[in-house]
Amino acid sequence: MDKVVASAAEAVADVPDGASLAVGGFGLSGVPDVLIQALYERGVDGLSVVSNNCGAMESGLAVLLAAGRIARVTGSYIGANKEFARQYLAGELEVELIPQGTLAERLRAGGAGIPAFYTPAGVGTQVAEGGLPWRYDGSGGVALASPAKEVREFDGAQYVLERGIRTDFALVRAAKGDRHGNLVFNKSARNFNPLAAMAGRVTVAEVEELVEPGALDPDAVHLPGVFVQRVVALTPEQAADKKIERRTVSG
């Protein structure tokens, strides 16, 4: 089945207001910037986003965030995104912060059809006991806090129950992809993109290099096409547009 669509705009044309999105990327690596920009240009609003972080340097999800299009974020890292922190503390944005490994496994579990799992991460903290601020009231108080989670003992150790994550759509970026949706990711772009792709009911992948079916060694495929519904081939200029978050030099 040829899953290639003509443009990013066409690929996200049916994403409605209020949709939930799993979005790949790690820092500025592997972020589906072209698909995110297409959503921005459509004016989609009230989004619930699941992603490791919410963009940086006015790119990626930061574009939607700055425009006030995101209502809720489930992620692990606020980092240097000052607008993310401002909206959260001002009560404009609901934020569920969870351990990074737990986020990865919740996405993977959702995509694998596993409704929930137990993990030791967060036992004895507010992650398990509840009380983490999900939304502030704008005056320094907590308007909505996380609930307590089930904790059980296995072989003498405590584990907290975490739910798998499924979203309406997923947006990811791959280094290579074929017309059947088989994807290959490059280095740290592989951290969250395959997991986000698994979690989406409709997954859209932008690929830096589109190849024909059979061109990818099956052993080299990081995500099989069964998890991908739409593929967008980037132009050479779009594929080469990669920002550097922190530039360092050695003497």
C-alpha atoms as a PDB file:
ATOM      1  CA  MET A   1       0.000   0.000   0.000  1.00  0.00           C
ATOM      2  CA  ASP A   2       1.426   3.380  -1.032  1.00  0.00           C
ATOM      3  CA  LYS A   3       1.041   5.633   2.017  1.00  0.00           C
ATOM      4  CA  VAL A   4       2.719   8.729   0.562  1.00  0.00           C
ATOM      5  CA  VAL A   5       0.627  11.907   0.586  1.00  0.00           C
ATOM      6  CA  ALA A   6       1.399  14.971  -1.488  1.00  0.00           C
ATOM      7  CA  SER A   7       2.011  17.482   1.287  1.00  0.00           C
ATOM      8  CA  ALA A   8       2.209  18.018   5.025  1.00  0.00           C
ATOM      9  CA  ALA A   9      -0.964  20.100   4.838  1.00  0.00           C
ATOM     10  CA  GLU A  10      -2.849  17.176   3.298  1.00  0.00           C
ATOM     11  CA  ALA A  11      -1.382  14.763   5.850  1.00  0.00           C
ATOM     12  CA  VAL A  12      -2.785  16.702   8.833  1.00  0.00           C
ATOM     13  CA  ALA A  13      -5.954  18.027   7.186  1.00  0.00           C
ATOM     14  CA  ASP A  14      -8.247  15.909   9.376  1.00  0.00           C
ATOM     15  CA  VAL A  15      -6.638  16.705  12.748  1.00  0.00           C
ATOM     16  CA  PRO A  16      -9.475  18.448  14.649  1.00  0.00           C
ATOM     17  CA  ASP A  17      -9.478  20.959  17.482  1.00  0.00           C
ATOM     18  CA  GLY A  18      -9.021  19.186  20.800  1.00  0.00           C
ATOM     19  CA  ALA A  19      -7.157  16.212  19.319  1.00  0.00           C
ATOM     20  CA  SER A  20      -4.522  14.316  21.268  1.00  0.00           C
ATOM     21  CA  LEU A  21      -1.091  14.045  19.643  1.00  0.00           C
ATOM     22  CA  ALA A  22       1.975  11.930  20.376  1.00  0.00           C
ATOM     23  CA  VAL A  23       4.927  13.870  18.959  1.00  0.00           C
ATOM     24  CA  GLY A  24       8.405  12.461  18.443  1.00  0.00           C
ATOM     25  CA  GLY A  25      11.725  14.141  19.012  1.00  0.00           C
ATOM     26  CA  PHE A  26      14.354  14.498  21.687  1.00  0.00           C
ATOM     27  CA  GLY A  27      15.447  18.084  22.305  1.00  0.00           C
ATOM     28  CA  LEU A  28      15.792  19.419  18.768  1.00  0.00           C
ATOM     29  CA  SER A  29      16.638  16.005  17.315  1.00  0.00           C
ATOM     30  CA  GLY A  30      14.080  14.190  15.210  1.00  0.00           C
ATOM     31  CA  VAL A  31      11.319  16.763  15.667  1.00  0.00           C
ATOM     32  CA  PRO A  32       8.597  16.686  12.950  1.00  0.00           C
ATOM     33  CA  ASP A  33       8.871  20.429  12.346  1.00  0.00           C
ATOM     34  CA  VAL A  34       7.194  20.415   8.930  1.00  0.00           C
ATOM     35  CA  LEU A  35       4.086  18.608  10.166  1.00  0.00           C
ATOM     36  CA  ILE A  36       3.910  20.847  13.238  1.00  0.00           C
ATOM     37  CA  GLN A  37       4.127  23.940  11.019  1.00  0.00           C
ATOM     38  CA  ALA A  38       1.305  22.557   8.867  1.00  0.00           C
ATOM     39  CA  LEU A  39      -0.861  22.175  11.983  1.00  0.00           C
ATOM     40  CA  TYR A  40      -0.006  25.743  12.996  1.00  0.00           C
ATOM     41  CA  GLU A  41      -1.010  27.086   9.579  1.00  0.00           C
ATOM     42  CA  ARG A  42      -4.339  25.234   9.805  1.00  0.00           C
ATOM     43  CA  GLY A  43      -5.119  26.986  13.103  1.00  0.00           C
ATOM     44  CA  VAL A  44      -5.862  23.788  15.046  1.00  0.00           C
ATOM     45  CA  ASP A  45      -6.519  24.610  18.712  1.00  0.00           C
ATOM     46  CA  GLY A  46      -7.010  22.994  22.128  1.00  0.00           C
ATOM     47  CA  LEU A  47      -4.487  20.208  21.530  1.00  0.00           C
ATOM     48  CA  SER A  48      -3.384  17.648  24.124  1.00  0.00           C
ATOM     49  CA  VAL A  49       0.239  16.826  23.403  1.00  0.00           C
ATOM     50  CA  VAL A  50       2.320  13.870  24.580  1.00  0.00           C
ATOM     51  CA  SER A  51       6.024  14.479  23.976  1.00  0.00           C
ATOM     52  CA  ASN A  52       9.306  14.374  25.851  1.00  0.00           C
ATOM     53  CA  ASN A  53       9.466  18.175  25.776  1.00  0.00           C
ATOM     54  CA  CYS A  54       7.473  21.003  24.232  1.00  0.00           C
ATOM     55  CA  GLY A  55       9.947  22.477  21.788  1.00  0.00           C
ATOM     56  CA  ALA A  56      12.774  24.952  22.151  1.00  0.00           C
ATOM     57  CA  MET A  57      14.324  27.907  20.359  1.00  0.00           C
ATOM     58  CA  GLU A  58      10.929  28.863  18.885  1.00  0.00           C
ATOM     59  CA  SER A  59      10.791  25.643  16.896  1.00  0.00           C
ATOM     60  CA  GLY A  60       8.883  22.371  17.028  1.00  0.00           C
ATOM     61  CA  LEU A  61       5.995  22.307  19.468  1.00  0.00           C
ATOM     62  CA  ALA A  62       7.083  25.717  20.772  1.00  0.00           C
ATOM     63  CA  VAL A  63       5.419  27.179  17.653  1.00  0.00           C
ATOM     64  CA  LEU A  64       2.021  25.814  18.719  1.00  0.00           C
ATOM     65  CA  LEU A  65       2.659  26.584  22.371  1.00  0.00           C
ATOM     66  CA  ALA A  66       3.475  30.251  21.768  1.00  0.00           C
ATOM     67  CA  ALA A  67       0.281  30.596  19.711  1.00  0.00           C
ATOM     68  CA  GLY A  68      -1.805  29.250  22.595  1.00  0.00           C
ATOM     69  CA  ARG A  69      -2.880  26.177  20.634  1.00  0.00           C
ATOM     70  CA  ILE A  70      -1.889  23.591  23.273  1.00  0.00           C
ATOM     71  CA  ALA A  71      -4.194  22.964  26.248  1.00  0.00           C
ATOM     72  CA  ARG A  72      -2.358  20.078  27.914  1.00  0.00           C
ATOM     73  CA  VAL A  73       1.136  18.583  27.841  1.00  0.00           C
ATOM     74  CA  THR A  74       2.207  15.163  29.061  1.00  0.00           C
ATOM     75  CA  GLY A  75       6.001  15.108  29.113  1.00  0.00           C
ATOM     76  CA  SER A  76       9.209  14.819  31.073  1.00  0.00           C
ATOM     77  CA  TYR A  77      11.125  18.032  30.543  1.00  0.00           C
ATOM     78  CA  ILE A  78      10.410  21.759  30.567  1.00  0.00           C
ATOM     79  CA  GLY A  79      14.073  22.730  30.253  1.00  0.00           C
ATOM     80  CA  ALA A  80      14.938  26.136  28.838  1.00  0.00           C
ATOM     81  CA  ASN A  81      11.527  26.751  27.255  1.00  0.00           C
ATOM     82  CA  LYS A  82      10.588  29.914  29.146  1.00  0.00           C
ATOM     83  CA  GLU A  83       7.158  30.204  27.521  1.00  0.00           C
ATOM     84  CA  PHE A  84       6.339  26.648  28.556  1.00  0.00           C
ATOM     85  CA  ALA A  85       7.271  27.470  32.154  1.00  0.00           C
ATOM     86  CA  ARG A  86       5.383  30.791  32.050  1.00  0.00           C
ATOM     87  CA  GLN A  87       2.134  29.264  30.789  1.00  0.00           C
ATOM     88  CA  TYR A  88       2.350  26.410  33.309  1.00  0.00           C
ATOM     89  CA  LEU A  89       2.965  28.669  36.316  1.00  0.00           C
ATOM     90  CA  ALA A  90       0.328  31.163  35.133  1.00  0.00           C
ATOM     91  CA  GLY A  91      -2.353  28.467  35.033  1.00  0.00           C
ATOM     92  CA  GLU A  92      -2.780  28.723  31.265  1.00  0.00           C
ATOM     93  CA  LEU A  93      -1.546  25.200  30.568  1.00  0.00           C
ATOM     94  CA  GLU A  94      -2.172  21.817  32.174  1.00  0.00           C
ATOM     95  CA  VAL A  95       1.051  19.809  32.524  1.00  0.00           C
ATOM     96  CA  GLU A  96       1.563  16.206  33.580  1.00  0.00           C
ATOM     97  CA  LEU A  97       5.268  15.718  34.281  1.00  0.00           C
ATOM     98  CA  ILE A  98       6.319  12.070  34.549  1.00  0.00           C
ATOM     99  CA  PRO A  99       9.660  10.241  34.642  1.00  0.00           C
ATOM    100  CA  GLN A 100      11.228  10.007  31.198  1.00  0.00           C
ATOM    101  CA  GLY A 101      11.536   6.223  31.184  1.00  0.00           C
ATOM    102  CA  THR A 102       7.934   5.898  32.334  1.00  0.00           C
ATOM    103  CA  LEU A 103       6.806   8.162  29.488  1.00  0.00           C
ATOM    104  CA  ALA A 104       8.683   6.027  26.974  1.00  0.00           C
ATOM    105  CA  GLU A 105       7.143   2.815  28.322  1.00  0.00           C
ATOM    106  CA  ARG A 106       3.633   4.297  28.511  1.00  0.00           C
ATOM    107  CA  LEU A 107       3.836   5.151  24.805  1.00  0.00           C
ATOM    108  CA  ARG A 108       5.262   1.749  23.901  1.00  0.00           C
ATOM    109  CA  ALA A 109       2.676  -0.064  26.008  1.00  0.00           C
ATOM    110  CA  GLY A 110      -0.190   1.859  24.423  1.00  0.00           C
ATOM    111  CA  GLY A 111       1.054   0.992  20.963  1.00  0.00           C
ATOM    112  CA  ALA A 112       1.479  -2.678  21.915  1.00  0.00           C
ATOM    113  CA  GLY A 113      -2.062  -2.927  23.272  1.00  0.00           C
ATOM    114  CA  ILE A 114      -0.969  -3.142  26.921  1.00  0.00           C
ATOM    115  CA  PRO A 115      -3.396  -1.093  29.058  1.00  0.00           C
ATOM    116  CA  ALA A 116      -1.136  -0.715  32.104  1.00  0.00           C
ATOM    117  CA  PHE A 117       2.095  -1.922  33.715  1.00  0.00           C
ATOM    118  CA  TYR A 118       3.976  -1.723  37.015  1.00  0.00           C
ATOM    119  CA  THR A 119       7.263   0.149  37.420  1.00  0.00           C
ATOM    120  CA  PRO A 120       9.480   1.004  40.425  1.00  0.00           C
ATOM    121  CA  ALA A 121       9.994   4.550  39.104  1.00  0.00           C
ATOM    122  CA  GLY A 122       8.196   7.069  41.307  1.00  0.00           C
ATOM    123  CA  VAL A 123       7.465   4.815  44.292  1.00  0.00           C
ATOM    124  CA  GLY A 124       7.531   6.826  47.519  1.00  0.00           C
ATOM    125  CA  THR A 125       7.163  10.152  45.693  1.00  0.00           C
ATOM    126  CA  GLN A 126       4.282  12.340  44.530  1.00  0.00           C
ATOM    127  CA  VAL A 127       4.354  10.436  41.242  1.00  0.00           C
ATOM    128  CA  ALA A 128       2.735   7.550  43.115  1.00  0.00           C
ATOM    129  CA  GLU A 129       1.200   9.333  46.092  1.00  0.00           C
ATOM    130  CA  GLY A 130      -0.422  12.155  44.108  1.00  0.00           C
ATOM    131  CA  GLY A 131      -0.281  15.882  44.634  1.00  0.00           C
ATOM    132  CA  LEU A 132       1.893  16.922  41.685  1.00  0.00           C
ATOM    133  CA  PRO A 133       0.575  20.231  40.293  1.00  0.00           C
ATOM    134  CA  TRP A 134      -1.108  19.627  36.951  1.00  0.00           C
ATOM    135  CA  ARG A 135      -2.525  23.133  36.778  1.00  0.00           C
ATOM    136  CA  TYR A 136      -1.844  26.256  38.831  1.00  0.00           C
ATOM    137  CA  ASP A 137      -4.474  28.898  39.575  1.00  0.00           C
ATOM    138  CA  GLY A 138      -2.334  31.823  38.426  1.00  0.00           C
ATOM    139  CA  SER A 139      -1.775  33.044  41.984  1.00  0.00           C
ATOM    140  CA  GLY A 140       0.709  30.425  43.131  1.00  0.00           C
ATOM    141  CA  GLY A 141      -1.887  27.920  44.295  1.00  0.00           C
ATOM    142  CA  VAL A 142      -2.634  24.520  42.797  1.00  0.00           C
ATOM    143  CA  ALA A 143      -5.933  24.313  40.924  1.00  0.00           C
ATOM    144  CA  LEU A 144      -5.576  20.665  39.863  1.00  0.00           C
ATOM    145  CA  ALA A 145      -3.230  18.018  41.279  1.00  0.00           C
ATOM    146  CA  SER A 146      -2.344  14.504  40.169  1.00  0.00           C
ATOM    147  CA  PRO A 147      -4.277  11.640  41.767  1.00  0.00           C
ATOM    148  CA  ALA A 148      -2.724   8.834  43.772  1.00  0.00           C
ATOM    149  CA  LYS A 149      -1.837   5.682  41.835  1.00  0.00           C
ATOM    150  CA  GLU A 150      -2.099   2.042  42.771  1.00  0.00           C
ATOM    151  CA  VAL A 151       1.055   0.597  44.384  1.00  0.00           C
ATOM    152  CA  ARG A 152       1.641  -3.147  44.736  1.00  0.00           C
ATOM    153  CA  GLU A 153       4.394  -5.334  46.097  1.00  0.00           C
ATOM    154  CA  PHE A 154       6.162  -7.903  43.927  1.00  0.00           C
ATOM    155  CA  ASP A 155       8.956 -10.063  45.359  1.00  0.00           C
ATOM    156  CA  GLY A 156       9.424  -7.709  48.274  1.00  0.00           C
ATOM    157  CA  ALA A 157       9.635  -4.500  46.220  1.00  0.00           C
ATOM    158  CA  GLN A 158       7.046  -1.762  45.612  1.00  0.00           C
ATOM    159  CA  TYR A 159       5.819  -0.869  42.126  1.00  0.00           C
ATOM    160  CA  VAL A 160       3.433   1.815  40.880  1.00  0.00           C
ATOM    161  CA  LEU A 161       0.770   1.173  38.240  1.00  0.00           C
ATOM    162  CA  GLU A 162       1.078   3.317  35.108  1.00  0.00           C
ATOM    163  CA  ARG A 163      -1.393   3.440  32.206  1.00  0.00           C
ATOM    164  CA  GLY A 164      -0.442   2.953  28.575  1.00  0.00           C
ATOM    165  CA  ILE A 165      -0.933   5.983  26.332  1.00  0.00           C
ATOM    166  CA  ARG A 166      -2.952   6.069  23.115  1.00  0.00           C
ATOM    167  CA  THR A 167      -3.500   9.258  21.125  1.00  0.00           C
ATOM    168  CA  ASP A 168      -5.703  10.280  18.218  1.00  0.00           C
ATOM    169  CA  PHE A 169      -2.705  11.108  16.013  1.00  0.00           C
ATOM    170  CA  ALA A 170       1.081  10.823  16.107  1.00  0.00           C
ATOM    171  CA  LEU A 171       3.613  13.017  14.299  1.00  0.00           C
ATOM    172  CA  VAL A 172       7.146  11.713  13.788  1.00  0.00           C
ATOM    173  CA  ARG A 173      10.264  12.369  11.721  1.00  0.00           C
ATOM    174  CA  ALA A 174      12.488   9.691  10.212  1.00  0.00           C
ATOM    175  CA  ALA A 175      15.791   9.753   8.364  1.00  0.00           C
ATOM    176  CA  LYS A 176      14.508   7.263   5.784  1.00  0.00           C
ATOM    177  CA  GLY A 177      11.171   5.773   4.931  1.00  0.00           C
ATOM    178  CA  ASP A 178       9.622   3.783   2.131  1.00  0.00           C
ATOM    179  CA  ARG A 179       6.187   4.067   0.551  1.00  0.00           C
ATOM    180  CA  HIS A 180       4.853   1.330   2.824  1.00  0.00           C
ATOM    181  CA  GLY A 181       5.693   3.346   5.939  1.00  0.00           C
ATOM    182  CA  ASN A 182       8.736   1.378   7.126  1.00  0.00           C
ATOM    183  CA  LEU A 183      10.984   3.860   8.932  1.00  0.00           C
ATOM    184  CA  VAL A 184      14.636   4.260   9.909  1.00  0.00           C
ATOM    185  CA  PHE A 185      15.677   6.845  12.521  1.00  0.00           C
ATOM    186  CA  ASN A 186      19.065   8.454  13.042  1.00  0.00           C
ATOM    187  CA  LYS A 187      20.837   8.274  16.415  1.00  0.00           C
ATOM    188  CA  SER A 188      18.996  10.135  19.221  1.00  0.00           C
ATOM    189  CA  ALA A 189      16.001  10.743  16.956  1.00  0.00           C
ATOM    190  CA  ARG A 190      15.250   7.084  17.667  1.00  0.00           C
ATOM    191  CA  ASN A 191      14.648   7.757  21.389  1.00  0.00           C
ATOM    192  CA  PHE A 192      10.983   8.776  21.214  1.00  0.00           C
ATOM    193  CA  ASN A 193       9.919   8.742  17.560  1.00  0.00           C
ATOM    194  CA  PRO A 194       9.225   4.984  17.277  1.00  0.00           C
ATOM    195  CA  LEU A 195       7.335   5.007  20.573  1.00  0.00           C
ATOM    196  CA  ALA A 196       5.239   8.038  19.626  1.00  0.00           C
ATOM    197  CA  ALA A 197       4.465   6.423  16.270  1.00  0.00           C
ATOM    198  CA  MET A 198       3.245   3.253  17.992  1.00  0.00           C
ATOM    199  CA  ALA A 199       0.923   5.208  20.293  1.00  0.00           C
ATOM    200  CA  GLY A 200      -0.982   7.082  17.579  1.00  0.00           C
ATOM    201  CA  ARG A 201      -4.174   5.691  16.086  1.00  0.00           C
ATOM    202  CA  VAL A 202      -3.241   7.609  12.926  1.00  0.00           C
ATOM    203  CA  THR A 203       0.499   8.126  12.537  1.00  0.00           C
ATOM    204  CA  VAL A 204       2.003  10.599  10.089  1.00  0.00           C
ATOM    205  CA  ALA A 205       5.725  10.430   9.327  1.00  0.00           C
ATOM    206  CA  GLU A 206       7.799  13.073   7.592  1.00  0.00           C
ATOM    207  CA  VAL A 207      10.880  11.459   6.052  1.00  0.00           C
ATOM    208  CA  GLU A 208      14.117  13.093   5.022  1.00  0.00           C
ATOM    209  CA  GLU A 209      14.708  10.490   2.314  1.00  0.00           C
ATOM    210  CA  LEU A 210      11.904   8.558   0.612  1.00  0.00           C
ATOM    211  CA  VAL A 211      12.897   5.222  -0.935  1.00  0.00           C
ATOM    212  CA  GLU A 212      11.024   2.569  -2.842  1.00  0.00           C
ATOM    213  CA  PRO A 213       9.716  -0.603  -1.178  1.00  0.00           C
ATOM    214  CA  GLY A 214      12.493  -3.174  -0.894  1.00  0.00           C
ATOM    215  CA  ALA A 215      15.270  -0.596  -0.702  1.00  0.00           C
ATOM    216  CA  LEU A 216      15.490  -0.844   3.089  1.00  0.00           C
ATOM    217  CA  ASP A 217      17.196  -3.867   4.600  1.00  0.00           C
ATOM    218  CA  PRO A 218      14.497  -5.450   6.801  1.00  0.00           C
ATOM    219  CA  ASP A 219      17.066  -5.819   9.590  1.00  0.00           C
ATOM    220  CA  ALA A 220      17.682  -2.055   9.471  1.00  0.00           C
ATOM    221  CA  VAL A 221      14.028  -1.025   9.878  1.00  0.00           C
ATOM    222  CA  HIS A 222      13.403   0.553  13.285  1.00  0.00           C
ATOM    223  CA  LEU A 223       9.618   0.840  12.922  1.00  0.00           C
ATOM    224  CA  PRO A 224       7.523  -1.378  10.640  1.00  0.00           C
ATOM    225  CA  GLY A 225       4.971   0.232   8.376  1.00  0.00           C
ATOM    226  CA  VAL A 226       2.036  -1.369  10.200  1.00  0.00           C
ATOM    227  CA  PHE A 227       2.293   1.514  12.688  1.00  0.00           C
ATOM    228  CA  VAL A 228       2.327   4.259  10.018  1.00  0.00           C
ATOM    229  CA  GLN A 229      -0.678   5.454   7.995  1.00  0.00           C
ATOM    230  CA  ARG A 230       0.764   8.450   6.099  1.00  0.00           C
ATOM    231  CA  VAL A 231       4.202   9.395   4.787  1.00  0.00           C
ATOM    232  CA  VAL A 232       5.334  12.876   3.706  1.00  0.00           C
ATOM    233  CA  ALA A 233       8.563  13.227   1.728  1.00  0.00           C
ATOM    234  CA  LEU A 234      10.538  16.325   2.724  1.00  0.00           C
ATOM    235  CA  THR A 235      12.285  18.548   0.226  1.00  0.00           C
ATOM    236  CA  PRO A 236      16.110  18.636   0.414  1.00  0.00           C
ATOM    237  CA  GLU A 237      15.858  22.068   2.040  1.00  0.00           C
ATOM    238  CA  GLN A 238      13.411  20.847   4.683  1.00  0.00           C
ATOM    239  CA  ALA A 239      15.507  17.754   5.372  1.00  0.00           C
ATOM    240  CA  ALA A 240      18.656  19.852   5.843  1.00  0.00           C
ATOM    241  CA  ASP A 241      17.017  22.387   8.188  1.00  0.00           C
ATOM    242  CA  LYS A 242      18.318  21.131  11.537  1.00  0.00           C
ATOM    243  CA  LYS A 243      18.874  23.484  14.435  1.00  0.00           C
ATOM    244  CA  ILE A 244      21.573  23.178  17.109  1.00  0.00           C
ATOM    245  CA  GLU A 245      20.354  23.771  20.668  1.00  0.00           C
ATOM    246  CA  ARG A 246      23.768  24.291  22.288  1.00  0.00           C
ATOM    247  CA  ARG A 247      26.892  24.767  20.217  1.00  0.00           C
ATOM    248  CA  THR A 248      30.181  23.852  21.914  1.00  0.00           C
ATOM    249  CA  VAL A 249      33.721  24.030  20.658  1.00  0.00           C
ATOM    250  CA  SER A 250      36.966  22.541  21.879  1.00  0.00           C
ATOM    251  CA  GLY A 251      40.253  24.398  22.043  1.00  0.00           C
END
